[in-house]
N, C-alpha and C. Protein backbone atom coordinates (compact mmCIF):
# COMPACT_ATOMS: atom_id res chain seq x y z
N MET A 1 13.31 -22.81 18.11
CA MET A 1 14.36 -23.30 17.20
C MET A 1 14.15 -24.89 16.90
N GLN A 2 13.91 -25.55 17.81
CA GLN A 2 13.52 -27.04 17.36
C GLN A 2 12.56 -27.01 16.34
N LYS A 3 11.44 -25.90 16.15
CA LYS A 3 10.51 -26.36 15.24
C LYS A 3 11.06 -25.99 13.93
N LYS A 4 11.83 -24.99 14.02
CA LYS A 4 12.50 -24.65 12.73
C LYS A 4 13.25 -25.64 12.36
N LEU A 5 14.18 -26.19 13.07
CA LEU A 5 15.29 -27.60 12.50
C LEU A 5 14.28 -28.60 12.07
N LYS A 6 13.06 -29.04 12.45
CA LYS A 6 12.45 -30.01 12.44
C LYS A 6 11.76 -29.60 10.68
N LYS A 7 11.35 -28.59 10.59
CA LYS A 7 10.78 -28.27 9.36
C LYS A 7 11.75 -27.93 8.14
N SER A 8 12.99 -27.44 8.62
CA SER A 8 14.34 -27.19 7.48
C SER A 8 14.67 -28.69 7.38
N LYS A 9 14.93 -29.55 8.22
CA LYS A 9 15.41 -30.83 7.73
C LYS A 9 14.52 -31.67 7.23
N LYS A 10 12.90 -31.34 7.46
CA LYS A 10 12.28 -32.04 6.21
C LYS A 10 12.04 -31.70 5.00
N ILE A 11 12.59 -30.39 4.65
CA ILE A 11 12.63 -29.69 3.22
C ILE A 11 13.70 -30.00 2.90
N LEU A 12 15.04 -29.81 3.34
CA LEU A 12 16.32 -30.35 3.11
C LEU A 12 16.65 -32.04 2.63
N TYR A 13 16.01 -32.68 3.24
CA TYR A 13 16.10 -33.88 2.74
C TYR A 13 14.81 -34.64 1.97
N SER A 14 14.02 -33.66 1.59
CA SER A 14 12.90 -34.39 0.65
C SER A 14 13.52 -34.02 -0.42
N ILE A 15 13.38 -34.84 -1.68
CA ILE A 15 13.75 -35.41 -3.06
C ILE A 15 13.47 -34.20 -3.90
N THR A 16 12.03 -33.74 -3.64
CA THR A 16 11.47 -32.64 -4.71
C THR A 16 11.90 -31.36 -4.01
N ALA A 17 12.61 -31.20 -3.29
CA ALA A 17 12.97 -29.52 -2.59
C ALA A 17 13.40 -28.78 -3.77
N LYS A 18 12.84 -27.65 -3.69
CA LYS A 18 13.15 -26.58 -4.83
C LYS A 18 14.10 -25.70 -4.07
N GLN A 19 14.92 -25.39 -4.63
CA GLN A 19 16.30 -24.14 -4.41
C GLN A 19 15.73 -23.16 -3.77
N LYS A 20 14.45 -22.74 -3.99
CA LYS A 20 13.73 -21.53 -3.43
C LYS A 20 13.58 -21.93 -1.79
N SER A 21 13.09 -22.90 -1.61
CA SER A 21 12.45 -23.50 -0.46
C SER A 21 13.71 -23.75 0.49
N ILE A 22 14.68 -24.27 -0.01
CA ILE A 22 16.01 -24.68 0.79
C ILE A 22 16.66 -23.34 0.97
N ASP A 23 16.62 -22.28 0.18
CA ASP A 23 17.30 -21.03 0.65
C ASP A 23 16.59 -20.48 1.90
N LYS A 24 15.19 -20.64 1.91
CA LYS A 24 14.43 -20.03 2.80
C LYS A 24 14.72 -20.54 4.15
N SER A 25 14.60 -21.85 4.21
CA SER A 25 15.06 -22.74 5.34
C SER A 25 16.21 -22.44 5.96
N ASN A 26 17.20 -22.36 5.10
CA ASN A 26 18.49 -21.87 5.36
C ASN A 26 18.64 -20.62 6.51
N ALA A 27 17.87 -19.61 5.56
CA ALA A 27 17.84 -18.49 6.10
C ALA A 27 17.13 -18.16 7.26
N SER A 28 15.95 -18.97 7.72
CA SER A 28 15.52 -18.83 8.95
C SER A 28 16.10 -19.72 10.19
N LEU A 29 16.85 -20.81 9.59
CA LEU A 29 17.87 -21.33 10.61
C LEU A 29 18.82 -20.50 11.08
N LYS A 30 19.40 -19.53 10.03
CA LYS A 30 20.45 -18.96 10.67
C LYS A 30 19.79 -17.89 11.61
N LYS A 31 18.84 -17.30 11.14
CA LYS A 31 17.98 -16.40 12.15
C LYS A 31 17.86 -16.90 13.50
N ALA A 32 17.24 -17.94 13.48
CA ALA A 32 17.00 -18.92 14.73
C ALA A 32 18.25 -19.17 15.51
N ILE A 33 19.09 -19.37 15.15
CA ILE A 33 20.69 -19.49 15.75
C ILE A 33 20.85 -17.90 16.38
N LYS A 34 21.06 -17.00 15.43
CA LYS A 34 21.44 -15.55 15.82
C LYS A 34 20.52 -15.42 17.37
N LYS A 35 19.26 -15.74 16.91
CA LYS A 35 18.46 -15.24 18.29
C LYS A 35 18.65 -15.97 19.13
N LEU A 36 19.17 -17.23 19.10
CA LEU A 36 19.44 -18.03 20.15
C LEU A 36 20.66 -17.63 21.09
N LYS A 37 21.67 -17.15 20.19
CA LYS A 37 23.14 -16.78 20.67
C LYS A 37 22.78 -15.22 21.46
N LYS A 38 22.03 -14.55 21.01
CA LYS A 38 21.57 -13.23 21.89
C LYS A 38 21.01 -13.54 23.23
N VAL A 39 20.23 -14.88 23.12
CA VAL A 39 19.33 -14.90 24.25
C VAL A 39 20.29 -15.52 25.60
N LYS A 40 21.43 -16.40 24.69
CA LYS A 40 22.30 -16.93 25.66
C LYS A 40 23.39 -16.00 26.18
N LYS A 41 23.50 -14.88 25.29
CA LYS A 41 24.45 -13.80 25.91
C LYS A 41 23.87 -13.07 27.16
N TYR A 42 22.65 -12.66 27.26
CA TYR A 42 21.89 -12.13 27.88
C TYR A 42 21.73 -12.65 29.27
N LYS A 43 21.89 -13.90 29.32
CA LYS A 43 21.42 -14.64 30.39
C LYS A 43 22.77 -14.87 31.43
N LYS A 44 23.97 -14.66 30.79
CA LYS A 44 25.07 -14.70 31.63
C LYS A 44 25.34 -13.68 32.44
């Protein structure tokens, strides 16, 4: 999660970020968040 977050922030805050790369990083962040929620749910 931390790796994806750092990479996404770098892409999102760069001046020359393309919409395609922004969409890709948003999608990977959403996927990582869903995965994290599943893991937390199983640990209870």
